[in-house]
N, C-alpha and C. Protein backbone atom coordinates (compact mmCIF):
# COMPACT_ATOMS: atom_id res chain seq x y z
N MET A 1 0.83 -1.20 0.00
CA MET A 1 0.00 0.00 0.00
C MET A 1 0.86 1.25 0.00
N LYS A 2 1.91 1.27 0.86
CA LYS A 2 2.79 2.41 0.95
C LYS A 2 3.49 2.66 -0.38
N ALA A 3 3.94 1.58 -1.04
CA ALA A 3 4.61 1.70 -2.33
C ALA A 3 3.67 2.27 -3.38
N THR A 4 2.39 1.89 -3.32
CA THR A 4 1.40 2.41 -4.27
C THR A 4 1.22 3.91 -4.09
N ILE A 5 1.17 4.38 -2.87
CA ILE A 5 1.00 5.81 -2.60
C ILE A 5 2.21 6.58 -3.12
N ILE A 6 3.41 6.04 -2.89
CA ILE A 6 4.62 6.72 -3.36
C ILE A 6 4.65 6.77 -4.88
N ILE A 7 4.29 5.68 -5.54
CA ILE A 7 4.27 5.65 -7.00
C ILE A 7 3.25 6.64 -7.55
N CYS A 8 2.07 6.70 -6.93
CA CYS A 8 1.04 7.66 -7.36
C CYS A 8 1.51 9.10 -7.17
N ALA A 9 2.19 9.37 -6.05
CA ALA A 9 2.69 10.72 -5.79
C ALA A 9 3.75 11.11 -6.81
N LEU A 10 4.65 10.19 -7.14
CA LEU A 10 5.68 10.47 -8.14
C LEU A 10 5.07 10.68 -9.52
N ALA A 11 4.06 9.89 -9.86
CA ALA A 11 3.38 10.05 -11.14
C ALA A 11 2.70 11.41 -11.22
N LEU A 12 2.09 11.84 -10.12
CA LEU A 12 1.43 13.14 -10.08
C LEU A 12 2.44 14.27 -10.24
N LEU A 13 3.57 14.17 -9.55
CA LEU A 13 4.62 15.18 -9.68
C LEU A 13 5.17 15.23 -11.09
N ALA A 14 5.37 14.08 -11.71
CA ALA A 14 5.90 14.05 -13.08
C ALA A 14 4.91 14.67 -14.05
N ALA A 15 3.62 14.46 -13.83
CA ALA A 15 2.60 15.03 -14.71
C ALA A 15 2.52 16.54 -14.58
N CYS A 16 2.85 17.06 -13.39
CA CYS A 16 2.76 18.50 -13.15
C CYS A 16 4.03 19.24 -13.50
N LYS A 17 5.11 18.52 -13.75
CA LYS A 17 6.39 19.17 -14.03
C LYS A 17 6.28 20.00 -15.30
N LYS A 18 6.77 21.24 -15.22
CA LYS A 18 6.72 22.14 -16.36
C LYS A 18 7.88 21.83 -17.29
N SER A 19 7.60 21.74 -18.55
CA SER A 19 8.61 21.48 -19.55
C SER A 19 9.47 22.72 -19.79
N ASN A 20 10.76 22.51 -20.05
CA ASN A 20 11.63 23.63 -20.39
C ASN A 20 11.20 24.31 -21.67
N SER A 21 10.51 23.60 -22.56
CA SER A 21 10.07 24.20 -23.80
C SER A 21 8.99 25.25 -23.55
N ASP A 22 8.35 25.21 -22.37
CA ASP A 22 7.34 26.21 -22.04
C ASP A 22 7.96 27.49 -21.47
N ALA A 23 9.23 27.43 -21.10
CA ALA A 23 9.90 28.59 -20.51
C ALA A 23 10.11 29.65 -21.60
N PRO A 24 9.98 30.94 -21.23
CA PRO A 24 10.19 31.98 -22.22
C PRO A 24 11.65 32.01 -22.67
N ALA A 25 11.87 32.39 -23.91
CA ALA A 25 13.23 32.51 -24.43
C ALA A 25 13.96 33.62 -23.69
N PRO A 26 15.26 33.43 -23.41
CA PRO A 26 16.00 34.47 -22.69
C PRO A 26 16.10 35.78 -23.46
N LEU A 27 16.01 35.72 -24.79
CA LEU A 27 16.07 36.92 -25.62
C LEU A 27 15.24 36.67 -26.87
N ARG A 28 14.30 37.57 -27.12
CA ARG A 28 13.47 37.42 -28.33
C ARG A 28 13.04 38.80 -28.80
N ALA A 29 12.68 38.88 -30.10
CA ALA A 29 12.24 40.16 -30.67
C ALA A 29 11.65 39.94 -32.04
N THR A 30 11.00 40.98 -32.53
CA THR A 30 10.50 41.05 -33.90
C THR A 30 11.32 42.13 -34.60
N ILE A 31 11.94 41.77 -35.71
CA ILE A 31 12.74 42.72 -36.48
C ILE A 31 12.07 42.91 -37.83
N ASN A 32 11.72 44.16 -38.13
CA ASN A 32 10.99 44.47 -39.38
C ASN A 32 9.81 43.53 -39.58
N ASP A 33 9.00 43.40 -38.56
CA ASP A 33 7.76 42.61 -38.57
C ASP A 33 7.97 41.11 -38.72
N LYS A 34 9.20 40.61 -38.50
CA LYS A 34 9.46 39.18 -38.56
C LYS A 34 9.98 38.72 -37.20
N GLN A 35 9.26 37.77 -36.58
CA GLN A 35 9.72 37.19 -35.32
C GLN A 35 10.99 36.40 -35.60
N VAL A 36 12.06 36.72 -34.88
CA VAL A 36 13.32 36.03 -35.09
C VAL A 36 13.59 35.09 -33.92
N LYS A 37 14.31 34.02 -34.21
CA LYS A 37 14.69 33.08 -33.18
C LYS A 37 16.13 33.42 -32.77
N VAL A 38 16.31 33.75 -31.49
CA VAL A 38 17.64 34.11 -30.99
C VAL A 38 18.20 32.92 -30.20
N THR A 39 19.38 32.47 -30.59
CA THR A 39 20.02 31.32 -29.95
C THR A 39 21.43 31.69 -29.53
N HIS A 40 22.12 30.76 -28.91
CA HIS A 40 23.50 30.97 -28.44
C HIS A 40 23.60 32.26 -27.61
N ILE A 41 22.72 32.37 -26.62
CA ILE A 41 22.64 33.57 -25.78
C ILE A 41 23.89 33.67 -24.91
N GLN A 42 24.44 34.88 -24.86
CA GLN A 42 25.57 35.17 -23.98
C GLN A 42 25.21 36.38 -23.13
N THR A 43 25.50 36.29 -21.84
CA THR A 43 25.27 37.40 -20.92
C THR A 43 26.61 37.84 -20.36
N ASN A 44 26.93 39.12 -20.55
CA ASN A 44 28.21 39.65 -20.10
C ASN A 44 27.97 40.83 -19.16
N PRO A 45 28.12 40.61 -17.85
CA PRO A 45 27.97 41.72 -16.90
C PRO A 45 29.29 42.48 -16.72
N ASP A 46 29.17 43.63 -16.12
CA ASP A 46 30.32 44.41 -15.68
C ASP A 46 31.23 44.90 -16.81
N ILE A 47 30.63 45.29 -17.91
CA ILE A 47 31.35 45.95 -18.99
C ILE A 47 31.43 47.43 -18.61
N HIS A 48 32.61 48.00 -18.63
CA HIS A 48 32.77 49.40 -18.24
C HIS A 48 32.80 50.29 -19.49
N TYR A 49 31.88 51.26 -19.53
CA TYR A 49 31.77 52.17 -20.67
C TYR A 49 31.25 53.51 -20.17
N ASN A 50 31.96 54.57 -20.51
CA ASN A 50 31.49 55.93 -20.24
C ASN A 50 31.11 56.12 -18.77
N ASN A 51 31.97 55.66 -17.87
CA ASN A 51 31.76 55.77 -16.42
C ASN A 51 30.52 55.03 -15.93
N ARG A 52 30.09 54.02 -16.65
CA ARG A 52 28.96 53.19 -16.24
C ARG A 52 29.33 51.73 -16.32
N THR A 53 28.62 50.91 -15.55
CA THR A 53 28.81 49.46 -15.61
C THR A 53 27.61 48.89 -16.35
N LEU A 54 27.88 48.21 -17.46
CA LEU A 54 26.83 47.73 -18.35
C LEU A 54 26.71 46.21 -18.31
N LEU A 55 25.53 45.73 -18.66
CA LEU A 55 25.24 44.31 -18.83
C LEU A 55 24.81 44.14 -20.28
N SER A 56 25.41 43.18 -20.98
CA SER A 56 25.06 42.91 -22.37
C SER A 56 24.46 41.51 -22.49
N ILE A 57 23.35 41.42 -23.19
CA ILE A 57 22.69 40.15 -23.49
C ILE A 57 22.63 40.05 -25.00
N SER A 58 23.27 39.04 -25.58
CA SER A 58 23.32 38.95 -27.03
C SER A 58 23.17 37.50 -27.49
N GLY A 59 22.83 37.36 -28.77
CA GLY A 59 22.67 36.03 -29.33
C GLY A 59 22.64 36.06 -30.84
N SER A 60 22.76 34.88 -31.42
CA SER A 60 22.70 34.72 -32.87
C SER A 60 21.24 34.64 -33.31
N ILE A 61 20.98 35.08 -34.53
CA ILE A 61 19.62 35.11 -35.05
C ILE A 61 19.42 34.00 -36.09
N ASP A 62 18.34 33.26 -35.91
CA ASP A 62 17.92 32.22 -36.86
C ASP A 62 19.05 31.24 -37.20
N GLY A 63 19.90 30.93 -36.20
CA GLY A 63 20.97 29.96 -36.40
C GLY A 63 22.16 30.47 -37.19
N ASP A 64 22.20 31.74 -37.53
CA ASP A 64 23.28 32.33 -38.30
C ASP A 64 24.17 33.14 -37.36
N ASP A 65 25.41 32.69 -37.13
CA ASP A 65 26.30 33.37 -36.20
C ASP A 65 26.75 34.74 -36.70
N LYS A 66 26.52 35.07 -37.96
CA LYS A 66 26.85 36.40 -38.47
C LYS A 66 25.75 37.41 -38.15
N LYS A 67 24.53 36.92 -37.95
CA LYS A 67 23.40 37.79 -37.57
C LYS A 67 23.30 37.79 -36.06
N LYS A 68 23.31 38.98 -35.46
CA LYS A 68 23.29 39.05 -33.99
C LYS A 68 22.36 40.15 -33.51
N LEU A 69 21.80 39.93 -32.34
CA LEU A 69 20.98 40.91 -31.65
C LEU A 69 21.56 41.08 -30.26
N SER A 70 21.67 42.33 -29.81
CA SER A 70 22.24 42.59 -28.50
C SER A 70 21.48 43.71 -27.81
N VAL A 71 21.24 43.52 -26.52
CA VAL A 71 20.63 44.54 -25.66
C VAL A 71 21.64 44.79 -24.54
N THR A 72 22.03 46.04 -24.37
CA THR A 72 23.04 46.40 -23.38
C THR A 72 22.49 47.54 -22.54
N MET A 73 22.66 47.45 -21.22
CA MET A 73 22.10 48.48 -20.35
C MET A 73 22.93 48.69 -19.10
N ALA A 74 22.82 49.88 -18.52
CA ALA A 74 23.45 50.21 -17.24
C ALA A 74 22.56 49.64 -16.14
N TYR A 75 22.64 48.35 -15.95
CA TYR A 75 21.70 47.62 -15.10
C TYR A 75 21.77 48.00 -13.64
N GLN A 76 22.89 48.55 -13.18
CA GLN A 76 22.99 48.93 -11.77
C GLN A 76 22.38 50.30 -11.50
N ASP A 77 22.11 51.06 -12.56
CA ASP A 77 21.58 52.42 -12.41
C ASP A 77 20.06 52.50 -12.47
N PHE A 78 19.39 51.40 -12.81
CA PHE A 78 17.95 51.44 -13.03
C PHE A 78 17.24 50.37 -12.20
N ASP A 79 16.05 50.71 -11.73
CA ASP A 79 15.26 49.80 -10.92
C ASP A 79 14.07 49.28 -11.72
N GLU A 80 13.39 48.28 -11.16
CA GLU A 80 12.18 47.74 -11.78
C GLU A 80 11.20 48.86 -12.08
N GLY A 81 10.61 48.81 -13.26
CA GLY A 81 9.62 49.80 -13.66
C GLY A 81 10.22 51.01 -14.36
N GLU A 82 11.53 51.16 -14.30
CA GLU A 82 12.16 52.30 -14.96
C GLU A 82 12.51 51.96 -16.40
N SER A 83 12.50 53.00 -17.25
CA SER A 83 12.85 52.83 -18.65
C SER A 83 14.11 53.61 -18.98
N ILE A 84 14.86 53.09 -19.92
CA ILE A 84 16.06 53.74 -20.43
C ILE A 84 15.69 54.30 -21.80
N ASP A 85 15.80 55.61 -21.97
CA ASP A 85 15.49 56.26 -23.24
C ASP A 85 16.74 56.21 -24.11
N LEU A 86 16.66 55.49 -25.22
CA LEU A 86 17.82 55.32 -26.09
C LEU A 86 18.05 56.51 -27.01
N GLY A 87 17.14 57.46 -27.02
CA GLY A 87 17.28 58.63 -27.88
C GLY A 87 18.02 59.78 -27.22
N THR A 88 18.31 59.67 -25.92
CA THR A 88 18.93 60.79 -25.23
C THR A 88 20.45 60.80 -25.32
N GLY A 89 21.06 59.67 -25.67
CA GLY A 89 22.51 59.62 -25.80
C GLY A 89 23.24 59.64 -24.49
N GLY A 90 22.59 59.28 -23.40
CA GLY A 90 23.22 59.31 -22.09
C GLY A 90 24.06 58.10 -21.76
N GLY A 91 24.15 57.12 -22.66
CA GLY A 91 24.96 55.94 -22.40
C GLY A 91 24.31 54.92 -21.50
N GLY A 92 23.01 55.08 -21.22
CA GLY A 92 22.32 54.14 -20.33
C GLY A 92 21.95 52.83 -20.97
N GLY A 93 22.00 52.77 -22.30
CA GLY A 93 21.66 51.52 -22.96
C GLY A 93 21.82 51.59 -24.46
N PHE A 94 21.84 50.41 -25.07
CA PHE A 94 21.97 50.25 -26.52
C PHE A 94 21.16 49.04 -26.96
N ILE A 95 20.69 49.07 -28.17
CA ILE A 95 20.21 47.88 -28.87
C ILE A 95 21.00 47.85 -30.17
N THR A 96 21.60 46.72 -30.50
CA THR A 96 22.30 46.61 -31.78
C THR A 96 21.86 45.35 -32.50
N TYR A 97 21.92 45.43 -33.83
CA TYR A 97 21.53 44.32 -34.70
C TYR A 97 22.53 44.26 -35.84
N ASP A 98 23.18 43.10 -36.02
CA ASP A 98 24.05 42.85 -37.16
C ASP A 98 23.28 41.98 -38.13
N ASP A 99 23.13 42.46 -39.38
CA ASP A 99 22.27 41.76 -40.34
C ASP A 99 22.94 40.60 -41.07
N GLY A 100 24.22 40.34 -40.80
CA GLY A 100 24.92 39.23 -41.44
C GLY A 100 25.54 39.61 -42.77
N ALA A 101 25.25 40.82 -43.26
CA ALA A 101 25.80 41.29 -44.52
C ALA A 101 26.80 42.43 -44.29
N GLY A 102 27.27 42.57 -43.06
CA GLY A 102 28.24 43.61 -42.75
C GLY A 102 27.65 44.92 -42.27
N ASN A 103 26.35 44.98 -42.08
CA ASN A 103 25.70 46.20 -41.60
C ASN A 103 25.31 46.06 -40.13
N THR A 104 25.72 47.03 -39.32
CA THR A 104 25.35 47.06 -37.91
C THR A 104 24.39 48.23 -37.71
N TYR A 105 23.24 47.93 -37.14
CA TYR A 105 22.21 48.93 -36.84
C TYR A 105 22.19 49.11 -35.33
N GLY A 106 21.89 50.32 -34.88
CA GLY A 106 21.86 50.51 -33.45
C GLY A 106 20.97 51.65 -33.02
N ALA A 107 20.63 51.62 -31.75
CA ALA A 107 19.91 52.71 -31.09
C ALA A 107 20.61 52.94 -29.76
N GLY A 108 20.81 54.20 -29.43
CA GLY A 108 21.51 54.57 -28.21
C GLY A 108 22.62 55.54 -28.55
N GLU A 109 23.47 55.80 -27.59
CA GLU A 109 24.55 56.76 -27.79
C GLU A 109 25.41 56.39 -28.99
N GLY A 110 25.69 57.36 -29.84
CA GLY A 110 26.51 57.14 -31.03
C GLY A 110 25.71 56.80 -32.27
N TYR A 111 24.43 56.60 -32.14
CA TYR A 111 23.58 56.29 -33.30
C TYR A 111 22.60 57.44 -33.51
N SER A 112 22.97 58.38 -34.37
CA SER A 112 22.12 59.55 -34.65
C SER A 112 20.80 59.11 -35.26
N PHE A 113 19.76 59.82 -34.92
CA PHE A 113 18.41 59.62 -35.46
C PHE A 113 17.81 58.27 -35.09
N SER A 114 18.34 57.65 -34.05
CA SER A 114 17.77 56.40 -33.56
C SER A 114 16.94 56.70 -32.33
N GLY A 115 16.20 55.72 -31.89
CA GLY A 115 15.42 55.89 -30.68
C GLY A 115 14.88 54.57 -30.22
N GLY A 116 14.42 54.56 -29.00
CA GLY A 116 13.84 53.35 -28.45
C GLY A 116 13.87 53.38 -26.94
N THR A 117 13.42 52.29 -26.35
CA THR A 117 13.41 52.17 -24.90
C THR A 117 13.76 50.75 -24.49
N ILE A 118 14.36 50.67 -23.32
CA ILE A 118 14.56 49.41 -22.62
C ILE A 118 13.88 49.61 -21.27
N THR A 119 12.93 48.75 -20.93
CA THR A 119 12.20 48.86 -19.67
C THR A 119 12.49 47.64 -18.81
N LEU A 120 12.91 47.88 -17.57
CA LEU A 120 13.19 46.78 -16.66
C LEU A 120 11.91 46.40 -15.91
N THR A 121 11.54 45.13 -15.99
CA THR A 121 10.38 44.64 -15.25
C THR A 121 10.82 43.87 -14.01
N LEU A 122 12.10 43.45 -13.97
CA LEU A 122 12.69 42.80 -12.80
C LEU A 122 14.17 43.13 -12.81
N ASN A 123 14.68 43.58 -11.67
CA ASN A 123 16.11 43.81 -11.53
C ASN A 123 16.49 43.41 -10.10
N ASP A 124 16.68 42.12 -9.91
CA ASP A 124 17.01 41.56 -8.60
C ASP A 124 18.52 41.45 -8.49
N ARG A 125 19.13 42.46 -7.88
CA ARG A 125 20.58 42.50 -7.78
C ARG A 125 21.12 41.41 -6.84
N ALA A 126 20.35 41.04 -5.82
CA ALA A 126 20.79 40.00 -4.88
C ALA A 126 20.83 38.63 -5.57
N LYS A 127 19.80 38.30 -6.34
CA LYS A 127 19.75 37.01 -7.04
C LYS A 127 20.38 37.07 -8.42
N ARG A 128 20.81 38.29 -8.83
CA ARG A 128 21.43 38.53 -10.14
C ARG A 128 20.55 38.03 -11.28
N LYS A 129 19.31 38.49 -11.27
CA LYS A 129 18.31 38.15 -12.28
C LYS A 129 17.73 39.43 -12.83
N ILE A 130 17.58 39.51 -14.15
CA ILE A 130 17.05 40.71 -14.79
C ILE A 130 16.08 40.32 -15.90
N GLU A 131 15.00 41.08 -16.02
CA GLU A 131 14.01 40.87 -17.08
C GLU A 131 13.53 42.22 -17.56
N GLY A 132 13.07 42.25 -18.79
CA GLY A 132 12.52 43.50 -19.29
C GLY A 132 12.10 43.39 -20.74
N THR A 133 11.73 44.54 -21.28
CA THR A 133 11.28 44.64 -22.66
C THR A 133 12.10 45.71 -23.38
N PHE A 134 12.07 45.66 -24.70
CA PHE A 134 12.79 46.67 -25.47
C PHE A 134 12.15 46.81 -26.86
N SER A 135 12.33 47.99 -27.43
CA SER A 135 11.88 48.27 -28.79
C SER A 135 12.60 49.51 -29.27
N GLY A 136 12.60 49.70 -30.58
CA GLY A 136 13.22 50.91 -31.10
C GLY A 136 13.38 50.90 -32.59
N VAL A 137 13.83 52.05 -33.10
CA VAL A 137 14.22 52.19 -34.49
C VAL A 137 15.74 52.25 -34.49
N LEU A 138 16.37 51.24 -35.08
CA LEU A 138 17.82 51.14 -35.12
C LEU A 138 18.30 51.64 -36.47
N VAL A 139 19.39 52.39 -36.47
CA VAL A 139 19.89 52.98 -37.70
C VAL A 139 21.27 52.45 -38.05
N GLN A 140 21.52 52.42 -39.35
CA GLN A 140 22.85 52.17 -39.89
C GLN A 140 23.22 53.50 -40.53
N SER A 141 24.03 54.29 -39.85
CA SER A 141 24.25 55.68 -40.19
C SER A 141 24.94 55.90 -41.54
N ILE A 142 25.88 55.06 -41.90
CA ILE A 142 26.65 55.29 -43.13
C ILE A 142 25.76 55.17 -44.36
N LEU A 143 24.92 54.15 -44.41
CA LEU A 143 24.04 53.94 -45.56
C LEU A 143 22.66 54.57 -45.37
N ASN A 144 22.44 55.20 -44.20
CA ASN A 144 21.16 55.83 -43.89
C ASN A 144 20.00 54.83 -44.00
N LEU A 145 20.18 53.65 -43.39
CA LEU A 145 19.16 52.61 -43.36
C LEU A 145 18.66 52.46 -41.94
N ASN A 146 17.45 51.89 -41.79
CA ASN A 146 16.97 51.60 -40.44
C ASN A 146 16.15 50.32 -40.42
N VAL A 147 16.05 49.75 -39.23
CA VAL A 147 15.20 48.59 -38.99
C VAL A 147 14.40 48.87 -37.73
N SER A 148 13.22 48.28 -37.66
CA SER A 148 12.42 48.43 -36.44
C SER A 148 12.51 47.13 -35.63
N VAL A 149 12.66 47.30 -34.34
CA VAL A 149 12.70 46.17 -33.41
C VAL A 149 11.53 46.37 -32.46
N ASN A 150 10.65 45.39 -32.39
CA ASN A 150 9.46 45.46 -31.54
C ASN A 150 9.32 44.16 -30.74
N ASP A 151 8.46 44.22 -29.74
CA ASP A 151 8.12 43.04 -28.94
C ASP A 151 9.36 42.35 -28.38
N GLY A 152 10.41 43.13 -28.09
CA GLY A 152 11.62 42.56 -27.54
C GLY A 152 11.43 42.22 -26.07
N HIS A 153 12.03 41.12 -25.66
CA HIS A 153 11.95 40.68 -24.27
C HIS A 153 13.26 39.98 -23.90
N PHE A 154 13.74 40.22 -22.69
CA PHE A 154 14.90 39.51 -22.18
C PHE A 154 14.61 39.03 -20.76
N SER A 155 15.20 37.91 -20.41
CA SER A 155 15.04 37.31 -19.08
C SER A 155 16.25 36.41 -18.86
N THR A 156 17.13 36.83 -17.95
CA THR A 156 18.35 36.07 -17.75
C THR A 156 18.95 36.31 -16.38
N SER A 157 19.84 35.44 -15.99
CA SER A 157 20.67 35.63 -14.81
C SER A 157 22.02 36.14 -15.27
N TYR A 158 22.72 36.81 -14.39
CA TYR A 158 24.04 37.32 -14.77
C TYR A 158 25.07 37.09 -13.68
């Protein structure tokens, strides 16, 4: 009888276990109205730039290591619910996209006529976990081209 109860309990736990495939992707976005699959995610904390400490989350797009998407922010300067305005040029954040053909698009300091936001929905410094959303118009200044990035989301530990 005891063995039956244990087996039933284990079966119930196994049935309730959440699959990893149900977990949200650590980095995702829509680029020019196309949902892209971001893989090979890398998280790099403590990058020093312009008297700020930045966190970068980047990955390859659609399995192509030449195509990359990156979200970088001054994660220690912002709390949950705060947004980083990428149009002000204050160095608080960047979004960059490499299209695989040698063109890098960006929004943030150094990218004229770009704009966007990064909003933190979780910034747990004790557990080193960060989540948020991002969107913007990224520019390639030399060729005067732009791409739109929408529905961006990140969720990672650092």
